[in-house]
Amino acid sequence: MVVVVVVVVVMVVVVVVVVAAVVVVIVVVVVVLVEVVVVVVLVVLVVVVVVVVVVVVVVEVVVVVVVVEVVVVVLVVVIVVVVVVVVVVVE
């Protein structure tokens, strides 16, 4: 009878240890997966930020170029008008 009780207690302890080990493994796997997901999300966020910064810089450069072109065109028009007025006044 004592042997049966000892065997049952040992079996219960073994089952508890195995279940605990499985739970620990599952928790570790879940934690690792969460860490991997967090790293992937962070990498994606960094890529998105870099792309946004590049797009903003390109847009700013394009805007500056367009503004410079408009200023040059306005200056050329003003110069042409002044020259035409001077020529008309002189003649």
N, C-alpha and C. Protein backbone atom coordinates (compact mmCIF):
# COMPACT_ATOMS: atom_id res chain seq x y z
N MET A 1 0.82 -1.19 0.00
CA MET A 1 0.00 0.00 0.00
C MET A 1 0.87 1.27 0.00
N VAL A 2 1.93 1.27 0.80
CA VAL A 2 2.84 2.41 0.86
C VAL A 2 3.51 2.61 -0.49
N VAL A 3 3.84 1.50 -1.14
CA VAL A 3 4.50 1.58 -2.46
C VAL A 3 3.56 2.25 -3.46
N VAL A 4 2.28 1.90 -3.41
CA VAL A 4 1.30 2.48 -4.32
C VAL A 4 1.18 3.99 -4.07
N VAL A 5 1.15 4.38 -2.81
CA VAL A 5 1.06 5.81 -2.47
C VAL A 5 2.30 6.53 -2.96
N VAL A 6 3.47 5.93 -2.75
CA VAL A 6 4.73 6.55 -3.20
C VAL A 6 4.73 6.67 -4.71
N VAL A 7 4.30 5.62 -5.41
CA VAL A 7 4.26 5.65 -6.88
C VAL A 7 3.30 6.73 -7.36
N VAL A 8 2.14 6.82 -6.72
CA VAL A 8 1.16 7.85 -7.11
C VAL A 8 1.71 9.24 -6.86
N VAL A 9 2.35 9.43 -5.71
CA VAL A 9 2.94 10.74 -5.40
C VAL A 9 4.03 11.08 -6.40
N VAL A 10 4.88 10.11 -6.72
CA VAL A 10 5.96 10.33 -7.70
C VAL A 10 5.35 10.67 -9.06
N MET A 11 4.31 9.95 -9.46
CA MET A 11 3.66 10.22 -10.75
C MET A 11 3.04 11.62 -10.77
N VAL A 12 2.42 12.00 -9.66
CA VAL A 12 1.83 13.35 -9.59
C VAL A 12 2.92 14.40 -9.68
N VAL A 13 4.02 14.19 -8.97
CA VAL A 13 5.14 15.14 -9.02
C VAL A 13 5.69 15.22 -10.43
N VAL A 14 5.86 14.07 -11.09
CA VAL A 14 6.38 14.04 -12.47
C VAL A 14 5.43 14.79 -13.40
N VAL A 15 4.13 14.55 -13.25
CA VAL A 15 3.15 15.23 -14.11
C VAL A 15 3.19 16.74 -13.86
N VAL A 16 3.27 17.14 -12.59
CA VAL A 16 3.34 18.57 -12.27
C VAL A 16 4.59 19.19 -12.86
N VAL A 17 5.73 18.50 -12.74
CA VAL A 17 6.99 19.02 -13.29
C VAL A 17 6.91 19.12 -14.80
N VAL A 18 6.35 18.10 -15.45
CA VAL A 18 6.24 18.12 -16.92
C VAL A 18 5.31 19.25 -17.36
N VAL A 19 4.18 19.39 -16.68
CA VAL A 19 3.25 20.47 -17.02
C VAL A 19 3.90 21.82 -16.80
N ALA A 20 4.62 21.97 -15.70
CA ALA A 20 5.32 23.23 -15.43
C ALA A 20 6.36 23.51 -16.51
N ALA A 21 7.09 22.46 -16.91
CA ALA A 21 8.10 22.63 -17.96
C ALA A 21 7.45 23.05 -19.27
N VAL A 22 6.33 22.42 -19.61
CA VAL A 22 5.62 22.78 -20.84
C VAL A 22 5.12 24.22 -20.77
N VAL A 23 4.58 24.61 -19.62
CA VAL A 23 4.11 25.99 -19.46
C VAL A 23 5.27 26.98 -19.60
N VAL A 24 6.40 26.65 -18.99
CA VAL A 24 7.57 27.53 -19.09
C VAL A 24 8.03 27.65 -20.54
N VAL A 25 8.06 26.52 -21.25
CA VAL A 25 8.48 26.54 -22.66
C VAL A 25 7.50 27.39 -23.48
N ILE A 26 6.20 27.22 -23.23
CA ILE A 26 5.20 28.01 -23.96
C ILE A 26 5.37 29.50 -23.67
N VAL A 27 5.59 29.84 -22.39
CA VAL A 27 5.78 31.25 -22.03
C VAL A 27 7.02 31.81 -22.70
N VAL A 28 8.10 31.04 -22.70
CA VAL A 28 9.34 31.51 -23.33
C VAL A 28 9.13 31.72 -24.83
N VAL A 29 8.45 30.77 -25.47
CA VAL A 29 8.19 30.90 -26.91
C VAL A 29 7.33 32.13 -27.19
N VAL A 30 6.30 32.34 -26.37
CA VAL A 30 5.44 33.51 -26.56
C VAL A 30 6.22 34.80 -26.36
N VAL A 31 7.06 34.84 -25.33
CA VAL A 31 7.87 36.04 -25.09
C VAL A 31 8.81 36.30 -26.25
N VAL A 32 9.45 35.25 -26.76
CA VAL A 32 10.36 35.42 -27.90
C VAL A 32 9.59 35.90 -29.13
N LEU A 33 8.42 35.32 -29.36
CA LEU A 33 7.61 35.75 -30.51
C LEU A 33 7.19 37.21 -30.36
N VAL A 34 6.81 37.61 -29.15
CA VAL A 34 6.44 39.01 -28.92
C VAL A 34 7.63 39.92 -29.17
N GLU A 35 8.81 39.51 -28.71
CA GLU A 35 10.01 40.31 -28.95
C GLU A 35 10.31 40.42 -30.44
N VAL A 36 10.14 39.32 -31.17
CA VAL A 36 10.37 39.35 -32.62
C VAL A 36 9.38 40.30 -33.29
N VAL A 37 8.12 40.21 -32.88
CA VAL A 37 7.11 41.11 -33.46
C VAL A 37 7.43 42.56 -33.14
N VAL A 38 7.86 42.83 -31.92
CA VAL A 38 8.22 44.21 -31.54
C VAL A 38 9.40 44.70 -32.38
N VAL A 39 10.40 43.86 -32.57
CA VAL A 39 11.56 44.25 -33.39
C VAL A 39 11.13 44.51 -34.82
N VAL A 40 10.28 43.64 -35.37
CA VAL A 40 9.81 43.83 -36.75
C VAL A 40 9.02 45.13 -36.86
N VAL A 41 8.15 45.39 -35.89
CA VAL A 41 7.37 46.64 -35.90
C VAL A 41 8.29 47.85 -35.81
N LEU A 42 9.31 47.77 -34.96
CA LEU A 42 10.25 48.89 -34.84
C LEU A 42 11.02 49.11 -36.14
N VAL A 43 11.44 48.02 -36.78
CA VAL A 43 12.15 48.14 -38.06
C VAL A 43 11.24 48.78 -39.11
N VAL A 44 9.98 48.33 -39.15
CA VAL A 44 9.03 48.90 -40.11
C VAL A 44 8.82 50.39 -39.82
N LEU A 45 8.71 50.74 -38.54
CA LEU A 45 8.54 52.15 -38.18
C LEU A 45 9.76 52.99 -38.59
N VAL A 46 10.94 52.44 -38.39
CA VAL A 46 12.16 53.16 -38.79
C VAL A 46 12.18 53.35 -40.29
N VAL A 47 11.82 52.30 -41.04
CA VAL A 47 11.78 52.41 -42.51
C VAL A 47 10.76 53.46 -42.93
N VAL A 48 9.59 53.45 -42.29
CA VAL A 48 8.55 54.44 -42.62
C VAL A 48 9.04 55.85 -42.33
N VAL A 49 9.70 56.04 -41.19
CA VAL A 49 10.22 57.37 -40.84
C VAL A 49 11.27 57.81 -41.85
N VAL A 50 12.16 56.91 -42.24
CA VAL A 50 13.19 57.25 -43.23
C VAL A 50 12.55 57.63 -44.56
N VAL A 51 11.55 56.85 -44.98
CA VAL A 51 10.87 57.14 -46.25
C VAL A 51 10.17 58.50 -46.17
N VAL A 52 9.51 58.77 -45.05
CA VAL A 52 8.83 60.07 -44.89
C VAL A 52 9.83 61.21 -44.92
N VAL A 53 10.95 61.04 -44.24
CA VAL A 53 11.98 62.09 -44.23
C VAL A 53 12.52 62.32 -45.64
N VAL A 54 12.78 61.24 -46.37
CA VAL A 54 13.29 61.37 -47.74
C VAL A 54 12.25 62.08 -48.62
N VAL A 55 10.99 61.69 -48.48
CA VAL A 55 9.93 62.33 -49.28
C VAL A 55 9.82 63.81 -48.94
N VAL A 56 9.89 64.14 -47.66
CA VAL A 56 9.81 65.55 -47.25
C VAL A 56 11.00 66.33 -47.81
N VAL A 57 12.18 65.76 -47.74
CA VAL A 57 13.37 66.45 -48.27
C VAL A 57 13.24 66.64 -49.78
N VAL A 58 12.78 65.61 -50.48
CA VAL A 58 12.62 65.72 -51.94
C VAL A 58 11.58 66.79 -52.26
N VAL A 59 10.47 66.79 -51.52
CA VAL A 59 9.43 67.80 -51.77
C VAL A 59 9.96 69.20 -51.48
N GLU A 60 10.72 69.34 -50.40
CA GLU A 60 11.30 70.65 -50.10
C GLU A 60 12.26 71.10 -51.20
N VAL A 61 13.08 70.18 -51.69
CA VAL A 61 14.02 70.52 -52.77
C VAL A 61 13.25 70.93 -54.01
N VAL A 62 12.20 70.17 -54.34
CA VAL A 62 11.39 70.50 -55.53
C VAL A 62 10.73 71.87 -55.35
N VAL A 63 10.21 72.13 -54.16
CA VAL A 63 9.57 73.43 -53.91
C VAL A 63 10.59 74.56 -54.04
N VAL A 64 11.77 74.36 -53.49
CA VAL A 64 12.82 75.39 -53.58
C VAL A 64 13.20 75.61 -55.04
N VAL A 65 13.35 74.54 -55.80
CA VAL A 65 13.71 74.66 -57.22
C VAL A 65 12.62 75.41 -57.97
N VAL A 66 11.36 75.07 -57.70
CA VAL A 66 10.25 75.73 -58.38
C VAL A 66 10.21 77.21 -58.00
N VAL A 67 10.41 77.52 -56.73
CA VAL A 67 10.42 78.92 -56.30
C VAL A 67 11.56 79.68 -56.97
N VAL A 68 12.72 79.06 -57.05
CA VAL A 68 13.86 79.71 -57.71
C VAL A 68 13.55 79.93 -59.19
N GLU A 69 12.94 78.93 -59.84
CA GLU A 69 12.59 79.09 -61.26
C GLU A 69 11.58 80.23 -61.44
N VAL A 70 10.60 80.31 -60.55
CA VAL A 70 9.59 81.37 -60.65
C VAL A 70 10.25 82.73 -60.45
N VAL A 71 11.15 82.83 -59.49
CA VAL A 71 11.85 84.10 -59.24
C VAL A 71 12.68 84.48 -60.47
N VAL A 72 13.34 83.52 -61.07
CA VAL A 72 14.17 83.79 -62.26
C VAL A 72 13.27 84.27 -63.40
N VAL A 73 12.14 83.60 -63.59
CA VAL A 73 11.23 83.99 -64.68
C VAL A 73 10.69 85.40 -64.43
N VAL A 74 10.32 85.69 -63.19
CA VAL A 74 9.82 87.03 -62.86
C VAL A 74 10.91 88.07 -63.11
N LEU A 75 12.13 87.77 -62.71
CA LEU A 75 13.24 88.71 -62.94
C LEU A 75 13.48 88.94 -64.43
N VAL A 76 13.42 87.87 -65.20
CA VAL A 76 13.63 87.99 -66.65
C VAL A 76 12.52 88.85 -67.25
N VAL A 77 11.28 88.62 -66.81
CA VAL A 77 10.16 89.41 -67.33
C VAL A 77 10.33 90.88 -66.95
N VAL A 78 10.72 91.14 -65.72
CA VAL A 78 10.94 92.53 -65.28
C VAL A 78 12.05 93.17 -66.10
N ILE A 79 13.13 92.45 -66.31
CA ILE A 79 14.25 92.98 -67.10
C ILE A 79 13.80 93.29 -68.53
N VAL A 80 13.04 92.38 -69.12
CA VAL A 80 12.57 92.58 -70.49
C VAL A 80 11.64 93.79 -70.55
N VAL A 81 10.75 93.91 -69.57
CA VAL A 81 9.83 95.06 -69.55
C VAL A 81 10.62 96.36 -69.38
N VAL A 82 11.59 96.37 -68.51
CA VAL A 82 12.40 97.58 -68.30
C VAL A 82 13.15 97.93 -69.58
N VAL A 83 13.72 96.94 -70.24
CA VAL A 83 14.47 97.19 -71.48
C VAL A 83 13.52 97.74 -72.55
N VAL A 84 12.34 97.15 -72.65
CA VAL A 84 11.38 97.60 -73.66
C VAL A 84 10.95 99.04 -73.35
N VAL A 85 10.69 99.33 -72.08
CA VAL A 85 10.28 100.69 -71.70
C VAL A 85 11.41 101.68 -72.00
N VAL A 86 12.62 101.30 -71.68
CA VAL A 86 13.78 102.19 -71.93
C VAL A 86 13.93 102.42 -73.43
N VAL A 87 13.79 101.37 -74.21
CA VAL A 87 13.95 101.49 -75.67
C VAL A 87 12.84 102.38 -76.23
N VAL A 88 11.62 102.19 -75.74
CA VAL A 88 10.50 103.00 -76.23
C VAL A 88 10.68 104.47 -75.83
N VAL A 89 11.13 104.70 -74.62
CA VAL A 89 11.32 106.08 -74.15
C VAL A 89 12.47 106.74 -74.91
N VAL A 90 13.52 106.01 -75.16
CA VAL A 90 14.70 106.57 -75.84
C VAL A 90 14.34 106.89 -77.29
N GLU A 91 13.55 106.07 -77.94
CA GLU A 91 13.20 106.33 -79.34
C GLU A 91 12.15 107.39 -79.33
